N, C-alpha and C. Protein backbone atom coordinates (compact mmCIF):
# COMPACT_ATOMS: atom_id res chain seq x y z
N UNK A 1 -60.68 106.02 97.58
CA UNK A 1 -61.85 105.87 98.42
C UNK A 1 -63.11 105.98 97.54
N UNK A 2 -64.07 105.15 97.81
CA UNK A 2 -65.31 105.14 97.03
C UNK A 2 -66.21 106.29 97.44
N UNK A 3 -66.71 106.99 96.44
CA UNK A 3 -67.71 108.04 96.69
C UNK A 3 -69.09 107.44 96.45
N UNK A 4 -70.05 107.94 97.19
CA UNK A 4 -71.44 107.50 97.06
C UNK A 4 -72.32 108.71 96.78
N UNK A 5 -73.29 108.52 95.90
CA UNK A 5 -74.32 109.51 95.66
C UNK A 5 -75.56 109.03 96.40
N UNK A 6 -76.08 109.87 97.29
CA UNK A 6 -77.27 109.53 98.08
C UNK A 6 -78.41 110.41 97.60
N UNK A 7 -79.52 109.77 97.24
CA UNK A 7 -80.71 110.46 96.77
C UNK A 7 -81.83 110.27 97.78
N UNK A 8 -82.35 111.37 98.29
CA UNK A 8 -83.49 111.31 99.21
C UNK A 8 -84.77 111.38 98.40
N UNK A 9 -85.80 110.70 98.89
CA UNK A 9 -87.08 110.67 98.19
C UNK A 9 -88.07 111.63 98.83
N UNK A 10 -88.60 112.51 98.02
CA UNK A 10 -89.72 113.34 98.46
C UNK A 10 -89.40 114.43 99.47
N UNK A 11 -88.21 115.03 99.39
CA UNK A 11 -87.92 116.14 100.30
C UNK A 11 -88.02 117.46 99.55
N UNK A 12 -88.38 118.49 100.29
CA UNK A 12 -88.42 119.87 99.79
C UNK A 12 -89.35 120.05 98.60
N UNK A 13 -90.40 119.24 98.52
CA UNK A 13 -91.37 119.37 97.44
C UNK A 13 -92.60 120.15 97.87
N UNK A 14 -92.73 120.42 99.12
CA UNK A 14 -93.86 121.14 99.68
C UNK A 14 -93.50 121.53 101.11
N UNK A 15 -94.50 121.78 101.93
CA UNK A 15 -94.20 122.23 103.29
C UNK A 15 -93.71 121.12 104.22
N UNK A 16 -93.84 119.88 103.83
CA UNK A 16 -93.46 118.77 104.70
C UNK A 16 -92.11 118.20 104.28
N UNK A 17 -91.47 117.54 105.20
CA UNK A 17 -90.16 116.91 104.97
C UNK A 17 -89.17 117.89 104.36
N UNK A 18 -89.03 119.03 105.02
CA UNK A 18 -88.06 120.03 104.60
C UNK A 18 -86.69 119.66 105.17
N UNK A 19 -85.69 119.64 104.31
CA UNK A 19 -84.33 119.34 104.73
C UNK A 19 -83.41 120.36 104.07
N UNK A 20 -82.79 121.19 104.88
CA UNK A 20 -81.85 122.17 104.32
C UNK A 20 -80.56 121.46 103.94
N UNK A 21 -79.80 122.10 103.06
CA UNK A 21 -78.51 121.54 102.67
C UNK A 21 -77.60 121.41 103.89
N UNK A 22 -77.65 122.39 104.78
CA UNK A 22 -76.81 122.33 105.99
C UNK A 22 -77.20 121.16 106.88
N UNK A 23 -78.51 120.92 107.05
CA UNK A 23 -78.95 119.77 107.85
C UNK A 23 -78.57 118.45 107.19
N UNK A 24 -78.66 118.39 105.88
CA UNK A 24 -78.30 117.17 105.17
C UNK A 24 -76.81 116.89 105.33
N UNK A 25 -75.99 117.92 105.15
CA UNK A 25 -74.55 117.74 105.35
C UNK A 25 -74.25 117.34 106.80
N UNK A 26 -74.91 118.01 107.74
CA UNK A 26 -74.70 117.70 109.16
C UNK A 26 -75.09 116.28 109.51
N UNK A 27 -76.21 115.82 108.96
CA UNK A 27 -76.66 114.45 109.23
C UNK A 27 -75.63 113.44 108.72
N UNK A 28 -75.05 113.71 107.57
CA UNK A 28 -74.03 112.81 107.02
C UNK A 28 -72.77 112.85 107.88
N UNK A 29 -72.37 114.03 108.27
CA UNK A 29 -71.16 114.15 109.10
C UNK A 29 -71.36 113.55 110.48
N UNK A 30 -72.57 113.63 111.02
CA UNK A 30 -72.87 113.06 112.34
C UNK A 30 -72.56 111.57 112.41
N UNK A 31 -72.67 110.86 111.30
CA UNK A 31 -72.46 109.41 111.29
C UNK A 31 -71.11 109.02 110.68
N UNK A 32 -70.21 110.00 110.54
CA UNK A 32 -68.85 109.70 110.10
C UNK A 32 -68.61 109.73 108.61
N UNK A 33 -69.61 110.12 107.82
CA UNK A 33 -69.38 110.27 106.38
C UNK A 33 -68.57 111.54 106.16
N UNK A 34 -67.71 111.52 105.14
CA UNK A 34 -66.79 112.64 104.91
C UNK A 34 -66.89 113.15 103.48
N UNK A 35 -66.13 114.22 103.21
CA UNK A 35 -66.13 114.86 101.89
C UNK A 35 -67.55 115.16 101.44
N UNK A 36 -68.36 115.63 102.35
CA UNK A 36 -69.80 115.77 102.14
C UNK A 36 -70.09 116.96 101.23
N UNK A 37 -70.82 116.68 100.15
CA UNK A 37 -71.25 117.72 99.20
C UNK A 37 -72.75 117.58 98.96
N UNK A 38 -73.43 118.71 98.85
CA UNK A 38 -74.84 118.69 98.44
C UNK A 38 -74.95 119.37 97.09
N UNK A 39 -76.00 119.02 96.36
CA UNK A 39 -76.26 119.62 95.05
C UNK A 39 -77.74 119.96 94.98
N UNK A 40 -78.04 121.21 94.72
CA UNK A 40 -79.41 121.71 94.66
C UNK A 40 -80.10 121.50 96.00
N UNK A 41 -81.42 121.61 96.03
CA UNK A 41 -82.16 121.46 97.29
C UNK A 41 -83.14 120.30 97.25
N UNK A 42 -82.91 119.36 96.35
CA UNK A 42 -83.86 118.26 96.20
C UNK A 42 -83.40 116.96 96.84
N UNK A 43 -82.48 117.05 97.80
CA UNK A 43 -82.07 115.85 98.52
C UNK A 43 -80.98 115.07 97.82
N UNK A 44 -79.96 115.77 97.35
CA UNK A 44 -78.83 115.14 96.66
C UNK A 44 -77.58 115.32 97.50
N UNK A 45 -76.88 114.23 97.74
CA UNK A 45 -75.73 114.24 98.62
C UNK A 45 -74.65 113.36 98.00
N UNK A 46 -73.40 113.83 98.06
CA UNK A 46 -72.26 113.02 97.63
C UNK A 46 -71.31 112.95 98.81
N UNK A 47 -70.88 111.73 99.15
CA UNK A 47 -70.06 111.51 100.34
C UNK A 47 -69.01 110.43 100.08
N UNK A 48 -68.03 110.37 100.97
CA UNK A 48 -67.18 109.19 101.09
C UNK A 48 -67.43 108.61 102.48
N UNK A 49 -67.02 107.37 102.69
CA UNK A 49 -67.41 106.67 103.92
C UNK A 49 -66.66 107.12 105.16
N UNK A 50 -65.49 107.69 105.03
CA UNK A 50 -64.77 108.21 106.19
C UNK A 50 -64.68 107.20 107.32
N UNK A 51 -65.09 107.61 108.51
CA UNK A 51 -65.03 106.75 109.70
C UNK A 51 -66.37 106.08 109.99
N UNK A 52 -67.30 106.12 109.04
CA UNK A 52 -68.65 105.59 109.29
C UNK A 52 -68.70 104.08 109.41
N UNK A 53 -67.73 103.40 108.82
CA UNK A 53 -67.74 101.94 108.81
C UNK A 53 -68.62 101.35 107.73
N UNK A 54 -69.29 102.18 106.95
CA UNK A 54 -70.17 101.68 105.88
C UNK A 54 -69.34 101.01 104.79
N UNK A 55 -69.84 99.87 104.31
CA UNK A 55 -69.13 99.11 103.29
C UNK A 55 -69.96 98.86 102.04
N UNK A 56 -71.16 99.41 101.99
CA UNK A 56 -72.03 99.17 100.83
C UNK A 56 -72.96 100.36 100.64
N UNK A 57 -73.53 100.49 99.45
CA UNK A 57 -74.51 101.56 99.23
C UNK A 57 -75.69 101.46 100.19
N UNK A 58 -76.12 100.25 100.48
CA UNK A 58 -77.26 100.06 101.40
C UNK A 58 -76.93 100.59 102.79
N UNK A 59 -75.71 100.35 103.25
CA UNK A 59 -75.30 100.84 104.57
C UNK A 59 -75.22 102.37 104.58
N UNK A 60 -74.70 102.96 103.50
CA UNK A 60 -74.63 104.42 103.42
C UNK A 60 -76.03 105.02 103.46
N UNK A 61 -76.95 104.46 102.67
CA UNK A 61 -78.33 104.96 102.64
C UNK A 61 -78.98 104.84 104.03
N UNK A 62 -78.75 103.71 104.69
CA UNK A 62 -79.33 103.51 106.03
C UNK A 62 -78.76 104.52 107.02
N UNK A 63 -77.46 104.76 106.97
CA UNK A 63 -76.85 105.74 107.88
C UNK A 63 -77.47 107.13 107.70
N UNK A 64 -77.63 107.56 106.45
CA UNK A 64 -78.21 108.88 106.19
C UNK A 64 -79.66 108.92 106.64
N UNK A 65 -80.41 107.88 106.31
CA UNK A 65 -81.82 107.79 106.73
C UNK A 65 -81.94 107.90 108.25
N UNK A 66 -81.17 107.08 108.96
CA UNK A 66 -81.25 107.04 110.42
C UNK A 66 -80.78 108.35 111.04
N UNK A 67 -79.76 108.96 110.47
CA UNK A 67 -79.26 110.22 111.01
C UNK A 67 -80.28 111.35 110.82
N UNK A 68 -80.96 111.37 109.68
CA UNK A 68 -82.02 112.38 109.47
C UNK A 68 -83.17 112.16 110.45
N UNK A 69 -83.49 110.91 110.72
CA UNK A 69 -84.55 110.61 111.69
C UNK A 69 -84.16 111.12 113.08
N UNK A 70 -82.92 110.90 113.46
CA UNK A 70 -82.43 111.34 114.76
C UNK A 70 -82.33 112.87 114.84
N UNK A 71 -81.73 113.46 113.83
CA UNK A 71 -81.45 114.90 113.82
C UNK A 71 -82.71 115.74 113.64
N UNK A 72 -83.60 115.33 112.70
CA UNK A 72 -84.75 116.15 112.33
C UNK A 72 -86.10 115.53 112.68
N UNK A 73 -86.08 114.25 113.08
CA UNK A 73 -87.33 113.58 113.40
C UNK A 73 -88.19 113.28 112.19
N UNK A 74 -87.55 113.08 111.03
CA UNK A 74 -88.31 112.78 109.82
C UNK A 74 -87.86 111.46 109.22
N UNK A 75 -88.81 110.77 108.60
CA UNK A 75 -88.55 109.49 107.95
C UNK A 75 -88.43 109.76 106.45
N UNK A 76 -87.20 109.78 105.96
CA UNK A 76 -86.93 110.09 104.56
C UNK A 76 -86.26 108.89 103.91
N UNK A 77 -86.95 108.22 102.98
CA UNK A 77 -86.31 107.13 102.26
C UNK A 77 -85.08 107.63 101.49
N UNK A 78 -84.04 106.82 101.47
CA UNK A 78 -82.81 107.18 100.79
C UNK A 78 -82.29 105.99 100.01
N UNK A 79 -81.64 106.27 98.91
CA UNK A 79 -80.96 105.24 98.13
C UNK A 79 -79.57 105.78 97.82
N UNK A 80 -78.56 104.91 97.89
CA UNK A 80 -77.19 105.32 97.61
C UNK A 80 -76.65 104.51 96.43
N UNK A 81 -75.83 105.18 95.64
CA UNK A 81 -75.21 104.56 94.47
C UNK A 81 -73.71 104.83 94.52
N UNK A 82 -72.91 103.84 94.16
CA UNK A 82 -71.49 104.10 94.00
C UNK A 82 -71.29 104.94 92.74
N UNK A 83 -70.13 105.56 92.65
CA UNK A 83 -69.81 106.34 91.45
C UNK A 83 -69.85 105.45 90.22
N UNK A 84 -69.31 104.25 90.32
CA UNK A 84 -69.31 103.36 89.15
C UNK A 84 -70.72 102.94 88.76
N UNK A 85 -71.59 102.73 89.74
CA UNK A 85 -72.99 102.39 89.43
C UNK A 85 -73.68 103.55 88.73
N UNK A 86 -73.47 104.77 89.21
CA UNK A 86 -74.07 105.93 88.56
C UNK A 86 -73.51 106.11 87.15
N UNK A 87 -72.23 105.86 86.96
CA UNK A 87 -71.64 105.94 85.62
C UNK A 87 -72.28 104.91 84.69
N UNK A 88 -72.53 103.70 85.20
CA UNK A 88 -73.22 102.67 84.40
C UNK A 88 -74.62 103.14 84.00
N UNK A 89 -75.33 103.78 84.93
CA UNK A 89 -76.67 104.28 84.65
C UNK A 89 -76.62 105.35 83.56
N UNK A 90 -75.64 106.23 83.63
CA UNK A 90 -75.50 107.28 82.61
C UNK A 90 -75.19 106.66 81.25
N UNK A 91 -74.28 105.70 81.22
CA UNK A 91 -73.93 105.05 79.95
C UNK A 91 -75.09 104.26 79.36
N UNK A 92 -75.96 103.72 80.20
CA UNK A 92 -77.07 102.88 79.72
C UNK A 92 -78.27 103.68 79.22
N UNK A 93 -78.24 104.99 79.34
CA UNK A 93 -79.37 105.82 78.93
C UNK A 93 -79.83 105.48 77.51
N UNK A 94 -81.07 105.02 77.35
CA UNK A 94 -81.56 104.67 76.02
C UNK A 94 -82.05 105.88 75.22
N UNK A 95 -82.10 107.04 75.86
CA UNK A 95 -82.64 108.24 75.20
C UNK A 95 -81.52 109.27 75.02
N UNK A 96 -80.53 108.92 74.22
CA UNK A 96 -79.36 109.80 74.07
C UNK A 96 -79.71 111.12 73.40
N UNK A 97 -80.64 111.12 72.47
CA UNK A 97 -81.04 112.38 71.83
C UNK A 97 -81.68 113.31 72.86
N UNK A 98 -82.53 112.77 73.71
CA UNK A 98 -83.16 113.59 74.76
C UNK A 98 -82.11 114.13 75.72
N UNK A 99 -81.10 113.34 76.03
CA UNK A 99 -80.04 113.79 76.92
C UNK A 99 -79.30 114.99 76.33
N UNK A 100 -79.11 114.98 75.03
CA UNK A 100 -78.44 116.09 74.35
C UNK A 100 -79.34 117.30 74.17
N UNK A 101 -80.57 117.05 73.71
CA UNK A 101 -81.44 118.13 73.24
C UNK A 101 -82.49 118.58 74.26
N UNK A 102 -82.83 117.75 75.22
CA UNK A 102 -83.93 118.06 76.14
C UNK A 102 -83.65 117.48 77.54
N UNK A 103 -82.47 117.75 78.11
CA UNK A 103 -82.07 117.06 79.35
C UNK A 103 -82.95 117.37 80.56
N UNK A 104 -83.59 118.52 80.59
CA UNK A 104 -84.43 118.83 81.75
C UNK A 104 -85.73 118.04 81.75
N UNK A 105 -86.11 117.46 80.60
CA UNK A 105 -87.32 116.63 80.53
C UNK A 105 -87.02 115.14 80.55
N UNK A 106 -85.75 114.79 80.67
CA UNK A 106 -85.36 113.38 80.79
C UNK A 106 -85.11 113.09 82.26
N UNK A 107 -85.87 112.14 82.80
CA UNK A 107 -85.76 111.78 84.21
C UNK A 107 -85.20 110.37 84.36
N UNK A 108 -84.40 110.19 85.39
CA UNK A 108 -83.94 108.87 85.80
C UNK A 108 -84.57 108.61 87.16
N UNK A 109 -85.35 107.53 87.24
CA UNK A 109 -86.02 107.15 88.49
C UNK A 109 -85.28 105.96 89.08
N UNK A 110 -84.70 106.16 90.25
CA UNK A 110 -83.91 105.13 90.92
C UNK A 110 -84.80 104.50 91.99
N UNK A 111 -84.97 103.18 91.93
CA UNK A 111 -85.86 102.51 92.89
C UNK A 111 -85.17 102.25 94.22
N UNK A 112 -86.00 102.12 95.25
CA UNK A 112 -85.49 101.71 96.55
C UNK A 112 -85.43 100.19 96.66
N UNK A 113 -86.03 99.49 95.70
CA UNK A 113 -86.01 98.03 95.63
C UNK A 113 -85.97 97.60 94.18
N UNK A 114 -86.12 96.32 93.90
CA UNK A 114 -86.09 95.84 92.52
C UNK A 114 -87.27 96.39 91.69
N UNK A 115 -87.01 96.59 90.41
CA UNK A 115 -88.03 97.10 89.48
C UNK A 115 -88.68 95.95 88.74
N UNK A 116 -90.00 96.00 88.64
CA UNK A 116 -90.77 95.05 87.83
C UNK A 116 -90.81 95.59 86.40
N UNK A 117 -89.88 95.15 85.56
CA UNK A 117 -89.79 95.66 84.19
C UNK A 117 -91.06 95.39 83.40
N UNK A 118 -91.72 94.27 83.65
CA UNK A 118 -92.98 93.97 82.95
C UNK A 118 -94.06 94.97 83.34
N UNK A 119 -94.09 95.37 84.60
CA UNK A 119 -95.06 96.37 85.04
C UNK A 119 -94.81 97.71 84.37
N UNK A 120 -93.56 98.08 84.24
CA UNK A 120 -93.22 99.33 83.55
C UNK A 120 -93.60 99.24 82.08
N UNK A 121 -93.38 98.10 81.46
CA UNK A 121 -93.73 97.93 80.04
C UNK A 121 -95.22 98.12 79.81
N UNK A 122 -96.05 97.76 80.78
CA UNK A 122 -97.50 97.92 80.63
C UNK A 122 -97.94 99.39 80.69
N UNK A 123 -97.10 100.27 81.19
CA UNK A 123 -97.45 101.69 81.28
C UNK A 123 -97.81 102.24 79.91
N UNK A 124 -97.05 101.89 78.90
CA UNK A 124 -97.30 102.42 77.56
C UNK A 124 -98.73 102.20 77.11
N UNK A 125 -99.35 101.14 77.55
CA UNK A 125 -100.71 100.83 77.14
C UNK A 125 -101.76 101.48 78.04
N UNK A 126 -101.38 101.82 79.27
CA UNK A 126 -102.39 102.27 80.22
C UNK A 126 -102.43 103.77 80.47
N UNK A 127 -101.36 104.48 80.15
CA UNK A 127 -101.31 105.91 80.41
C UNK A 127 -101.09 106.65 79.10
N UNK A 128 -102.12 107.35 78.62
CA UNK A 128 -101.95 108.07 77.37
C UNK A 128 -101.01 109.26 77.54
N UNK A 129 -100.24 109.54 76.52
CA UNK A 129 -99.32 110.67 76.57
C UNK A 129 -98.16 110.42 75.63
N UNK A 130 -97.28 111.40 75.57
CA UNK A 130 -96.15 111.28 74.64
C UNK A 130 -94.86 110.93 75.36
N UNK A 131 -94.95 110.34 76.53
CA UNK A 131 -93.75 109.96 77.27
C UNK A 131 -93.13 108.70 76.67
N UNK A 132 -91.84 108.62 76.81
CA UNK A 132 -91.10 107.41 76.43
C UNK A 132 -90.50 106.84 77.70
N UNK A 133 -90.69 105.54 77.91
CA UNK A 133 -90.27 104.90 79.16
C UNK A 133 -89.42 103.68 78.83
N UNK A 134 -88.34 103.50 79.57
CA UNK A 134 -87.50 102.31 79.40
C UNK A 134 -86.87 101.94 80.73
N UNK A 135 -86.61 100.65 80.89
CA UNK A 135 -85.89 100.15 82.06
C UNK A 135 -84.54 99.63 81.58
N UNK A 136 -83.49 100.16 82.15
CA UNK A 136 -82.13 99.71 81.86
C UNK A 136 -81.35 99.74 83.16
N UNK A 137 -80.52 98.75 83.38
CA UNK A 137 -79.66 98.70 84.56
C UNK A 137 -80.43 98.87 85.87
N UNK A 138 -81.70 98.42 85.88
CA UNK A 138 -82.48 98.44 87.11
C UNK A 138 -83.06 99.79 87.48
N UNK A 139 -82.97 100.77 86.58
CA UNK A 139 -83.59 102.08 86.82
C UNK A 139 -84.56 102.37 85.68
N UNK A 140 -85.43 103.35 85.91
CA UNK A 140 -86.45 103.70 84.92
C UNK A 140 -86.10 105.07 84.34
N UNK A 141 -85.99 105.11 83.02
CA UNK A 141 -85.74 106.36 82.31
C UNK A 141 -87.06 106.80 81.70
N UNK A 142 -87.40 108.08 81.86
CA UNK A 142 -88.62 108.62 81.27
C UNK A 142 -88.29 109.93 80.58
N UNK A 143 -88.63 110.01 79.30
CA UNK A 143 -88.52 111.29 78.59
C UNK A 143 -89.92 111.89 78.56
N UNK A 144 -90.10 112.93 79.35
CA UNK A 144 -91.38 113.65 79.43
C UNK A 144 -91.37 114.72 78.34
N UNK A 145 -91.75 114.35 77.14
CA UNK A 145 -91.66 115.22 75.97
C UNK A 145 -92.35 116.56 76.22
N UNK A 146 -93.53 116.53 76.83
CA UNK A 146 -94.30 117.75 77.07
C UNK A 146 -94.08 118.32 78.47
N UNK A 147 -93.13 117.79 79.20
CA UNK A 147 -92.85 118.26 80.56
C UNK A 147 -93.52 117.40 81.60
N UNK A 148 -92.88 117.28 82.74
CA UNK A 148 -93.39 116.41 83.80
C UNK A 148 -94.68 116.96 84.41
N UNK A 149 -94.84 118.27 84.43
CA UNK A 149 -96.03 118.87 85.02
C UNK A 149 -97.31 118.59 84.26
N UNK A 150 -97.19 118.27 82.98
CA UNK A 150 -98.37 117.99 82.15
C UNK A 150 -98.64 116.50 82.01
N UNK A 151 -97.77 115.70 82.52
CA UNK A 151 -97.87 114.26 82.32
C UNK A 151 -98.84 113.60 83.28
N UNK A 152 -99.49 112.57 82.79
CA UNK A 152 -100.31 111.72 83.66
C UNK A 152 -99.48 110.56 84.21
N UNK A 153 -98.24 110.50 83.79
CA UNK A 153 -97.32 109.48 84.27
C UNK A 153 -96.63 110.02 85.53
N UNK A 154 -97.37 109.99 86.62
CA UNK A 154 -96.91 110.56 87.89
C UNK A 154 -95.98 109.61 88.63
N UNK A 155 -95.39 110.12 89.68
CA UNK A 155 -94.55 109.29 90.54
C UNK A 155 -95.33 108.10 91.08
N UNK A 156 -96.57 108.33 91.50
CA UNK A 156 -97.39 107.24 92.04
C UNK A 156 -97.64 106.16 90.99
N UNK A 157 -97.92 106.56 89.75
CA UNK A 157 -98.14 105.60 88.67
C UNK A 157 -96.87 104.79 88.42
N UNK A 158 -95.73 105.47 88.37
CA UNK A 158 -94.46 104.77 88.15
C UNK A 158 -94.13 103.82 89.29
N UNK A 159 -94.30 104.29 90.53
CA UNK A 159 -94.01 103.44 91.69
C UNK A 159 -94.85 102.17 91.68
N UNK A 160 -96.13 102.34 91.39
CA UNK A 160 -97.04 101.19 91.37
C UNK A 160 -96.63 100.21 90.27
N UNK A 161 -96.35 100.72 89.08
CA UNK A 161 -95.96 99.85 87.97
C UNK A 161 -94.63 99.15 88.25
N UNK A 162 -93.70 99.87 88.86
CA UNK A 162 -92.38 99.32 89.13
C UNK A 162 -92.37 98.35 90.29
N UNK A 163 -93.39 98.45 91.16
CA UNK A 163 -93.41 97.59 92.34
C UNK A 163 -92.46 98.05 93.42
N UNK A 164 -91.99 99.29 93.33
CA UNK A 164 -91.05 99.83 94.31
C UNK A 164 -91.15 101.35 94.30
N UNK A 165 -91.04 101.97 95.47
CA UNK A 165 -90.93 103.43 95.47
C UNK A 165 -89.64 103.84 94.76
N UNK A 166 -89.70 104.96 94.08
CA UNK A 166 -88.52 105.45 93.36
C UNK A 166 -88.33 106.93 93.65
N UNK A 167 -87.14 107.41 93.38
CA UNK A 167 -86.87 108.84 93.44
C UNK A 167 -86.27 109.26 92.11
N UNK A 168 -86.77 110.34 91.56
CA UNK A 168 -86.36 110.76 90.23
C UNK A 168 -85.53 112.03 90.23
N UNK A 169 -84.61 112.09 89.26
CA UNK A 169 -83.79 113.29 89.04
C UNK A 169 -83.72 113.52 87.53
N UNK A 170 -83.65 114.79 87.14
CA UNK A 170 -83.51 115.05 85.71
C UNK A 170 -82.07 114.80 85.27
N UNK A 171 -81.90 114.70 83.98
CA UNK A 171 -80.61 114.32 83.41
C UNK A 171 -79.50 115.30 83.81
N UNK A 172 -79.80 116.59 83.84
CA UNK A 172 -78.79 117.57 84.24
C UNK A 172 -78.28 117.27 85.65
N UNK A 173 -79.18 116.97 86.56
CA UNK A 173 -78.80 116.67 87.94
C UNK A 173 -78.01 115.37 88.02
N UNK A 174 -78.45 114.35 87.30
CA UNK A 174 -77.75 113.06 87.32
C UNK A 174 -76.31 113.22 86.85
N UNK A 175 -76.11 113.91 85.74
CA UNK A 175 -74.75 114.04 85.22
C UNK A 175 -73.89 114.94 86.11
N UNK A 176 -74.49 115.94 86.72
CA UNK A 176 -73.73 116.79 87.63
C UNK A 176 -73.33 116.01 88.89
N UNK A 177 -74.23 115.19 89.42
CA UNK A 177 -73.90 114.35 90.57
C UNK A 177 -72.75 113.40 90.24
N UNK A 178 -72.76 112.85 89.04
CA UNK A 178 -71.67 111.97 88.62
C UNK A 178 -70.34 112.74 88.60
N UNK A 179 -70.35 113.94 88.08
CA UNK A 179 -69.12 114.75 88.05
C UNK A 179 -68.59 115.00 89.46
N UNK A 180 -69.48 115.37 90.37
CA UNK A 180 -69.06 115.64 91.76
C UNK A 180 -68.48 114.37 92.39
N UNK A 181 -69.15 113.24 92.19
CA UNK A 181 -68.66 111.97 92.76
C UNK A 181 -67.31 111.58 92.17
N UNK A 182 -67.15 111.75 90.87
CA UNK A 182 -65.88 111.42 90.23
C UNK A 182 -64.75 112.31 90.75
N UNK A 183 -65.07 113.56 91.06
CA UNK A 183 -64.06 114.47 91.61
C UNK A 183 -63.59 114.03 93.00
N UNK A 184 -64.42 113.29 93.73
CA UNK A 184 -64.06 112.83 95.08
C UNK A 184 -63.24 111.54 95.06
N UNK A 185 -63.23 110.86 93.93
CA UNK A 185 -62.51 109.57 93.89
C UNK A 185 -61.08 109.73 93.39
């Protein structure tokens, strides 16, 4: 059975759009998703399709989105990845040294739509800082050398350059989600 990793965008970052792990698991179970696992409190979910009838990552993301809207009355963008897609993203990481030596400052930004690679390439010229940015396999990798909190390369800047809203996770979270998904398959 295929496992899916579902990433919610912009939850539990402040007082708005709060989603507990129990509510997230419940929302997934409400729509027939099974083997439901959460990781951390930043909107990370690993599931199998169970009786949901979902046949694609897009359908899984829509089910979770709609269930959260019904259960909690909140509009939370979601993106889902198959285990093999997430494994491809991990293998494509262009910043292998950062993954080994500085994984908490390496972010993977997964878009909700297609990425404008040319727009991302222009970031290097428009935003001063020591960040390294690359697009591989349709996702954006950013090594925030000095930490994300000090960077001027914000989520809004990345979203605008990419032409799509994105949700980011650090390398430690990405690799842990892959491990959980692989354990379900």
